[in-house]
Amino acid sequence: VKYRRGNAQGNPLEAVDFRKQRRI
C-alpha cells in the first residue's frame, strides 16, 4: 500500500520499484 497526499511526490504506484518488489 502506497499513499500520497498529492502528485508533488509522484504517483504512489510508481514508488513500488524493482528493489521494493524484490524485497516483498
PDB file of all heavy atoms in Angstrom:
ATOM      1  N   VAL A   1       0.851  -1.183   0.000  1.00  0.00           N
ATOM      2  CA  VAL A   1       0.000   0.000   0.000  1.00  0.00           C
ATOM      3  C   VAL A   1       0.887   1.234   0.000  1.00  0.00           C
ATOM      4  O   VAL A   1       1.786   1.365   0.832  1.00  0.00           O
ATOM      5  CB  VAL A   1      -0.925   0.027   1.243  1.00  0.00           C
ATOM      6  CG1 VAL A   1      -1.787   1.282   1.242  1.00  0.00           C
ATOM      7  CG2 VAL A   1      -1.790  -1.227   1.300  1.00  0.00           C
ATOM      8  N   LYS A   2       0.637   2.137  -0.941  1.00  0.00           N
ATOM      9  CA  LYS A   2       1.379   3.395  -1.008  1.00  0.00           C
ATOM     10  C   LYS A   2       0.399   4.549  -1.060  1.00  0.00           C
ATOM     11  O   LYS A   2      -0.563   4.530  -1.827  1.00  0.00           O
ATOM     12  CB  LYS A   2       2.277   3.445  -2.259  1.00  0.00           C
ATOM     13  CG  LYS A   2       3.471   2.541  -2.183  1.00  0.00           C
ATOM     14  CD  LYS A   2       4.417   3.001  -1.110  1.00  0.00           C
ATOM     15  CE  LYS A   2       5.666   2.159  -1.070  1.00  0.00           C
ATOM     16  NZ  LYS A   2       6.513   2.506   0.062  1.00  0.00           N
ATOM     17  N   TYR A   3       0.673   5.565  -0.251  1.00  0.00           N
ATOM     18  CA  TYR A   3      -0.195   6.735  -0.166  1.00  0.00           C
ATOM     19  C   TYR A   3       0.597   7.994  -0.504  1.00  0.00           C
ATOM     20  O   TYR A   3       1.752   8.139  -0.107  1.00  0.00           O
ATOM     21  CB  TYR A   3      -0.765   6.870   1.244  1.00  0.00           C
ATOM     22  CG  TYR A   3      -1.417   8.205   1.505  1.00  0.00           C
ATOM     23  CD1 TYR A   3      -2.679   8.482   1.010  1.00  0.00           C
ATOM     24  CD2 TYR A   3      -0.768   9.196   2.220  1.00  0.00           C
ATOM     25  CE1 TYR A   3      -3.276   9.709   1.216  1.00  0.00           C
ATOM     26  CE2 TYR A   3      -1.350  10.429   2.440  1.00  0.00           C
ATOM     27  CZ  TYR A   3      -2.605  10.685   1.935  1.00  0.00           C
ATOM     28  OH  TYR A   3      -3.179  11.908   2.133  1.00  0.00           O
ATOM     29  N   ARG A   4      -0.048   8.889  -1.213  1.00  0.00           N
ATOM     30  CA  ARG A   4       0.476  10.236  -1.454  1.00  0.00           C
ATOM     31  C   ARG A   4      -0.688  11.209  -1.308  1.00  0.00           C
ATOM     32  O   ARG A   4      -1.788  10.955  -1.795  1.00  0.00           O
ATOM     33  CB  ARG A   4       1.060  10.381  -2.865  1.00  0.00           C
ATOM     34  CG  ARG A   4       2.245   9.493  -3.170  1.00  0.00           C
ATOM     35  CD  ARG A   4       3.505   9.975  -2.474  1.00  0.00           C
ATOM     36  NE  ARG A   4       4.664   9.203  -2.874  1.00  0.00           N
ATOM     37  CZ  ARG A   4       5.145   8.157  -2.217  1.00  0.00           C
ATOM     38  NH1 ARG A   4       4.534   7.726  -1.132  1.00  0.00           N
ATOM     39  NH2 ARG A   4       6.222   7.521  -2.627  1.00  0.00           N
ATOM     40  N   ARG A   5      -0.417  12.304  -0.650  1.00  0.00           N
ATOM     41  CA  ARG A   5      -1.444  13.335  -0.470  1.00  0.00           C
ATOM     42  C   ARG A   5      -1.793  13.988  -1.801  1.00  0.00           C
ATOM     43  O   ARG A   5      -2.939  14.298  -2.080  1.00  0.00           O
ATOM     44  CB  ARG A   5      -0.932  14.386   0.515  1.00  0.00           C
ATOM     45  CG  ARG A   5      -1.948  15.449   0.845  1.00  0.00           C
ATOM     46  CD  ARG A   5      -1.445  16.418   1.873  1.00  0.00           C
ATOM     47  NE  ARG A   5      -0.933  15.660   3.019  1.00  0.00           N
ATOM     48  CZ  ARG A   5      -0.008  16.097   3.853  1.00  0.00           C
ATOM     49  NH1 ARG A   5       0.535  17.281   3.684  1.00  0.00           N
ATOM     50  NH2 ARG A   5       0.402  15.356   4.859  1.00  0.00           N
ATOM     51  N   GLY A   6      -0.746  14.189  -2.622  1.00  0.00           N
ATOM     52  CA  GLY A   6      -0.940  14.817  -3.925  1.00  0.00           C
ATOM     53  C   GLY A   6       0.129  14.336  -4.888  1.00  0.00           C
ATOM     54  O   GLY A   6       0.932  13.457  -4.560  1.00  0.00           O
ATOM     55  N   ASN A   7       0.162  14.926  -6.077  1.00  0.00           N
ATOM     56  CA  ASN A   7       1.095  14.498  -7.122  1.00  0.00           C
ATOM     57  C   ASN A   7       2.515  15.037  -6.959  1.00  0.00           C
ATOM     58  O   ASN A   7       3.386  14.687  -7.739  1.00  0.00           O
ATOM     59  CB  ASN A   7       0.576  14.936  -8.493  1.00  0.00           C
ATOM     60  CG  ASN A   7      -0.501  14.008  -9.000  1.00  0.00           C
ATOM     61  OD1 ASN A   7      -0.410  12.799  -8.836  1.00  0.00           O
ATOM     62  ND2 ASN A   7      -1.526  14.577  -9.606  1.00  0.00           N
ATOM     63  N   ALA A   8       2.767  15.898  -5.984  1.00  0.00           N
ATOM     64  CA  ALA A   8       4.079  16.530  -5.837  1.00  0.00           C
ATOM     65  C   ALA A   8       5.207  15.509  -5.733  1.00  0.00           C
ATOM     66  O   ALA A   8       6.292  15.723  -6.264  1.00  0.00           O
ATOM     67  CB  ALA A   8       4.090  17.455  -4.628  1.00  0.00           C
ATOM     68  N   GLN A   9       4.971  14.395  -5.075  1.00  0.00           N
ATOM     69  CA  GLN A   9       5.992  13.353  -4.934  1.00  0.00           C
ATOM     70  C   GLN A   9       5.799  12.232  -5.958  1.00  0.00           C
ATOM     71  O   GLN A   9       6.420  11.182  -5.840  1.00  0.00           O
ATOM     72  CB  GLN A   9       5.961  12.761  -3.524  1.00  0.00           C
ATOM     73  CG  GLN A   9       6.397  13.744  -2.467  1.00  0.00           C
ATOM     74  CD  GLN A   9       6.335  13.109  -1.095  1.00  0.00           C
ATOM     75  OE1 GLN A   9       5.306  12.572  -0.700  1.00  0.00           O
ATOM     76  NE2 GLN A   9       7.428  13.181  -0.379  1.00  0.00           N
ATOM     77  N   GLY A  10       4.945  12.444  -6.917  1.00  0.00           N
ATOM     78  CA  GLY A  10       4.695  11.436  -7.933  1.00  0.00           C
ATOM     79  C   GLY A  10       3.542  10.524  -7.548  1.00  0.00           C
ATOM     80  O   GLY A  10       3.029  10.571  -6.435  1.00  0.00           O
ATOM     81  N   ASN A  11       3.157   9.712  -8.480  1.00  0.00           N
ATOM     82  CA  ASN A  11       2.072   8.767  -8.248  1.00  0.00           C
ATOM     83  C   ASN A  11       2.534   7.702  -7.262  1.00  0.00           C
ATOM     84  O   ASN A  11       3.647   7.191  -7.379  1.00  0.00           O
ATOM     85  CB  ASN A  11       1.672   8.124  -9.576  1.00  0.00           C
ATOM     86  CG  ASN A  11       0.423   7.290  -9.456  1.00  0.00           C
ATOM     87  OD1 ASN A  11       0.410   6.291  -8.747  1.00  0.00           O
ATOM     88  ND2 ASN A  11      -0.622   7.700 -10.140  1.00  0.00           N
ATOM     89  N   PRO A  12       1.702   7.340  -6.300  1.00  0.00           N
ATOM     90  CA  PRO A  12       2.126   6.342  -5.316  1.00  0.00           C
ATOM     91  C   PRO A  12       2.469   4.983  -5.930  1.00  0.00           C
ATOM     92  O   PRO A  12       3.332   4.264  -5.421  1.00  0.00           O
ATOM     93  CB  PRO A  12       0.936   6.229  -4.363  1.00  0.00           C
ATOM     94  CG  PRO A  12      -0.216   6.816  -5.088  1.00  0.00           C
ATOM     95  CD  PRO A  12       0.344   7.817  -6.042  1.00  0.00           C
ATOM     96  N   LEU A  13       1.844   4.642  -7.031  1.00  0.00           N
ATOM     97  CA  LEU A  13       2.124   3.361  -7.683  1.00  0.00           C
ATOM     98  C   LEU A  13       3.558   3.293  -8.203  1.00  0.00           C
ATOM     99  O   LEU A  13       4.155   2.220  -8.254  1.00  0.00           O
ATOM    100  CB  LEU A  13       1.134   3.116  -8.825  1.00  0.00           C
ATOM    101  CG  LEU A  13      -0.330   3.002  -8.409  1.00  0.00           C
ATOM    102  CD1 LEU A  13      -1.235   2.975  -9.634  1.00  0.00           C
ATOM    103  CD2 LEU A  13      -0.563   1.783  -7.530  1.00  0.00           C
ATOM    104  N   GLU A  14       4.125   4.446  -8.563  1.00  0.00           N
ATOM    105  CA  GLU A  14       5.493   4.490  -9.074  1.00  0.00           C
ATOM    106  C   GLU A  14       6.527   4.217  -7.985  1.00  0.00           C
ATOM    107  O   GLU A  14       7.678   3.919  -8.286  1.00  0.00           O
ATOM    108  CB  GLU A  14       5.765   5.851  -9.714  1.00  0.00           C
ATOM    109  CG  GLU A  14       4.921   6.121 -10.932  1.00  0.00           C
ATOM    110  CD  GLU A  14       5.000   7.562 -11.392  1.00  0.00           C
ATOM    111  OE1 GLU A  14       5.586   8.409 -10.674  1.00  0.00           O
ATOM    112  OE2 GLU A  14       4.462   7.853 -12.469  1.00  0.00           O
ATOM    113  N   ALA A  15       6.124   4.292  -6.727  1.00  0.00           N
ATOM    114  CA  ALA A  15       7.058   4.099  -5.616  1.00  0.00           C
ATOM    115  C   ALA A  15       7.413   2.628  -5.404  1.00  0.00           C
ATOM    116  O   ALA A  15       8.352   2.321  -4.667  1.00  0.00           O
ATOM    117  CB  ALA A  15       6.465   4.683  -4.340  1.00  0.00           C
ATOM    118  N   VAL A  16       6.699   1.732  -6.043  1.00  0.00           N
ATOM    119  CA  VAL A  16       6.980   0.305  -5.889  1.00  0.00           C
ATOM    120  C   VAL A  16       7.904  -0.114  -7.040  1.00  0.00           C
ATOM    121  O   VAL A  16       7.480  -0.694  -8.028  1.00  0.00           O
ATOM    122  CB  VAL A  16       5.682  -0.533  -5.837  1.00  0.00           C
ATOM    123  CG1 VAL A  16       5.997  -1.994  -5.541  1.00  0.00           C
ATOM    124  CG2 VAL A  16       4.725   0.024  -4.796  1.00  0.00           C
ATOM    125  N   ASP A  17       9.173   0.219  -6.864  1.00  0.00           N
ATOM    126  CA  ASP A  17      10.173  -0.053  -7.902  1.00  0.00           C
ATOM    127  C   ASP A  17      10.673  -1.494  -7.809  1.00  0.00           C
ATOM    128  O   ASP A  17      10.231  -2.272  -6.960  1.00  0.00           O
ATOM    129  CB  ASP A  17      11.329   0.936  -7.807  1.00  0.00           C
ATOM    130  CG  ASP A  17      12.047   0.883  -6.451  1.00  0.00           C
ATOM    131  OD1 ASP A  17      11.799  -0.039  -5.653  1.00  0.00           O
ATOM    132  OD2 ASP A  17      12.861   1.794  -6.199  1.00  0.00           O
ATOM    133  N   PHE A  18      11.613  -1.834  -8.676  1.00  0.00           N
ATOM    134  CA  PHE A  18      12.111  -3.209  -8.730  1.00  0.00           C
ATOM    135  C   PHE A  18      12.701  -3.649  -7.398  1.00  0.00           C
ATOM    136  O   PHE A  18      12.486  -4.773  -6.959  1.00  0.00           O
ATOM    137  CB  PHE A  18      13.141  -3.368  -9.862  1.00  0.00           C
ATOM    138  CG  PHE A  18      13.719  -4.749  -9.914  1.00  0.00           C
ATOM    139  CD1 PHE A  18      12.986  -5.806 -10.444  1.00  0.00           C
ATOM    140  CD2 PHE A  18      14.983  -5.010  -9.409  1.00  0.00           C
ATOM    141  CE1 PHE A  18      13.510  -7.092 -10.477  1.00  0.00           C
ATOM    142  CE2 PHE A  18      15.508  -6.291  -9.431  1.00  0.00           C
ATOM    143  CZ  PHE A  18      14.771  -7.330  -9.975  1.00  0.00           C
ATOM    144  N   ARG A  19      13.458  -2.778  -6.755  1.00  0.00           N
ATOM    145  CA  ARG A  19      14.080  -3.139  -5.479  1.00  0.00           C
ATOM    146  C   ARG A  19      13.027  -3.432  -4.407  1.00  0.00           C
ATOM    147  O   ARG A  19      13.140  -4.398  -3.666  1.00  0.00           O
ATOM    148  CB  ARG A  19      15.020  -2.027  -5.021  1.00  0.00           C
ATOM    149  CG  ARG A  19      15.937  -2.473  -3.907  1.00  0.00           C
ATOM    150  CD  ARG A  19      17.109  -1.575  -3.743  1.00  0.00           C
ATOM    151  NE  ARG A  19      16.697  -0.349  -3.082  1.00  0.00           N
ATOM    152  CZ  ARG A  19      17.435   0.732  -3.002  1.00  0.00           C
ATOM    153  NH1 ARG A  19      18.623   0.761  -3.560  1.00  0.00           N
ATOM    154  NH2 ARG A  19      17.004   1.792  -2.370  1.00  0.00           N
ATOM    155  N   LYS A  20      11.976  -2.619  -4.366  1.00  0.00           N
ATOM    156  CA  LYS A  20      10.886  -2.846  -3.417  1.00  0.00           C
ATOM    157  C   LYS A  20      10.161  -4.148  -3.758  1.00  0.00           C
ATOM    158  O   LYS A  20       9.807  -4.929  -2.873  1.00  0.00           O
ATOM    159  CB  LYS A  20       9.913  -1.654  -3.443  1.00  0.00           C
ATOM    160  CG  LYS A  20       8.768  -1.765  -2.473  1.00  0.00           C
ATOM    161  CD  LYS A  20       9.260  -1.624  -1.056  1.00  0.00           C
ATOM    162  CE  LYS A  20       8.089  -1.553  -0.095  1.00  0.00           C
ATOM    163  NZ  LYS A  20       8.521  -1.598   1.296  1.00  0.00           N
ATOM    164  N   GLN A  21       9.931  -4.398  -5.027  1.00  0.00           N
ATOM    165  CA  GLN A  21       9.289  -5.641  -5.453  1.00  0.00           C
ATOM    166  C   GLN A  21      10.104  -6.849  -5.011  1.00  0.00           C
ATOM    167  O   GLN A  21       9.552  -7.837  -4.533  1.00  0.00           O
ATOM    168  CB  GLN A  21       9.122  -5.654  -6.974  1.00  0.00           C
ATOM    169  CG  GLN A  21       8.139  -4.649  -7.485  1.00  0.00           C
ATOM    170  CD  GLN A  21       8.133  -4.555  -8.995  1.00  0.00           C
ATOM    171  OE1 GLN A  21       8.603  -5.456  -9.697  1.00  0.00           O
ATOM    172  NE2 GLN A  21       7.604  -3.458  -9.514  1.00  0.00           N
ATOM    173  N   ARG A  22      11.407  -6.774  -5.145  1.00  0.00           N
ATOM    174  CA  ARG A  22      12.286  -7.876  -4.751  1.00  0.00           C
ATOM    175  C   ARG A  22      12.188  -8.135  -3.248  1.00  0.00           C
ATOM    176  O   ARG A  22      12.116  -9.281  -2.815  1.00  0.00           O
ATOM    177  CB  ARG A  22      13.723  -7.542  -5.168  1.00  0.00           C
ATOM    178  CG  ARG A  22      14.739  -8.583  -4.793  1.00  0.00           C
ATOM    179  CD  ARG A  22      14.502  -9.854  -5.623  1.00  0.00           C
ATOM    180  NE  ARG A  22      15.340 -10.921  -5.161  1.00  0.00           N
ATOM    181  CZ  ARG A  22      16.472 -11.288  -5.724  1.00  0.00           C
ATOM    182  NH1 ARG A  22      16.907 -10.666  -6.788  1.00  0.00           N
ATOM    183  NH2 ARG A  22      17.153 -12.289  -5.225  1.00  0.00           N
ATOM    184  N   ARG A  23      12.163  -7.079  -2.471  1.00  0.00           N
ATOM    185  CA  ARG A  23      12.050  -7.232  -1.017  1.00  0.00           C
ATOM    186  C   ARG A  23      10.716  -7.859  -0.624  1.00  0.00           C
ATOM    187  O   ARG A  23      10.655  -8.713   0.256  1.00  0.00           O
ATOM    188  CB  ARG A  23      12.232  -5.888  -0.323  1.00  0.00           C
ATOM    189  CG  ARG A  23      13.649  -5.420  -0.325  1.00  0.00           C
ATOM    190  CD  ARG A  23      13.794  -4.154   0.453  1.00  0.00           C
ATOM    191  NE  ARG A  23      15.200  -3.877   0.670  1.00  0.00           N
ATOM    192  CZ  ARG A  23      15.656  -2.872   1.346  1.00  0.00           C
ATOM    193  NH1 ARG A  23      14.817  -2.027   1.907  1.00  0.00           N
ATOM    194  NH2 ARG A  23      16.942  -2.689   1.490  1.00  0.00           N
ATOM    195  N   ILE A  24       9.654  -7.438  -1.273  1.00  0.00           N
ATOM    196  CA  ILE A  24       8.325  -8.001  -0.985  1.00  0.00           C
ATOM    197  C   ILE A  24       8.287  -9.475  -1.378  1.00  0.00           C
ATOM    198  O   ILE A  24       7.760 -10.316  -0.636  1.00  0.00           O
ATOM    199  CB  ILE A  24       7.228  -7.197  -1.713  1.00  0.00           C
ATOM    200  CG1 ILE A  24       7.136  -5.786  -1.127  1.00  0.00           C
ATOM    201  CG2 ILE A  24       5.882  -7.908  -1.625  1.00  0.00           C
ATOM    202  CD1 ILE A  24       6.303  -4.827  -1.950  1.00  0.00           C
TER     203      ILE A  24
END
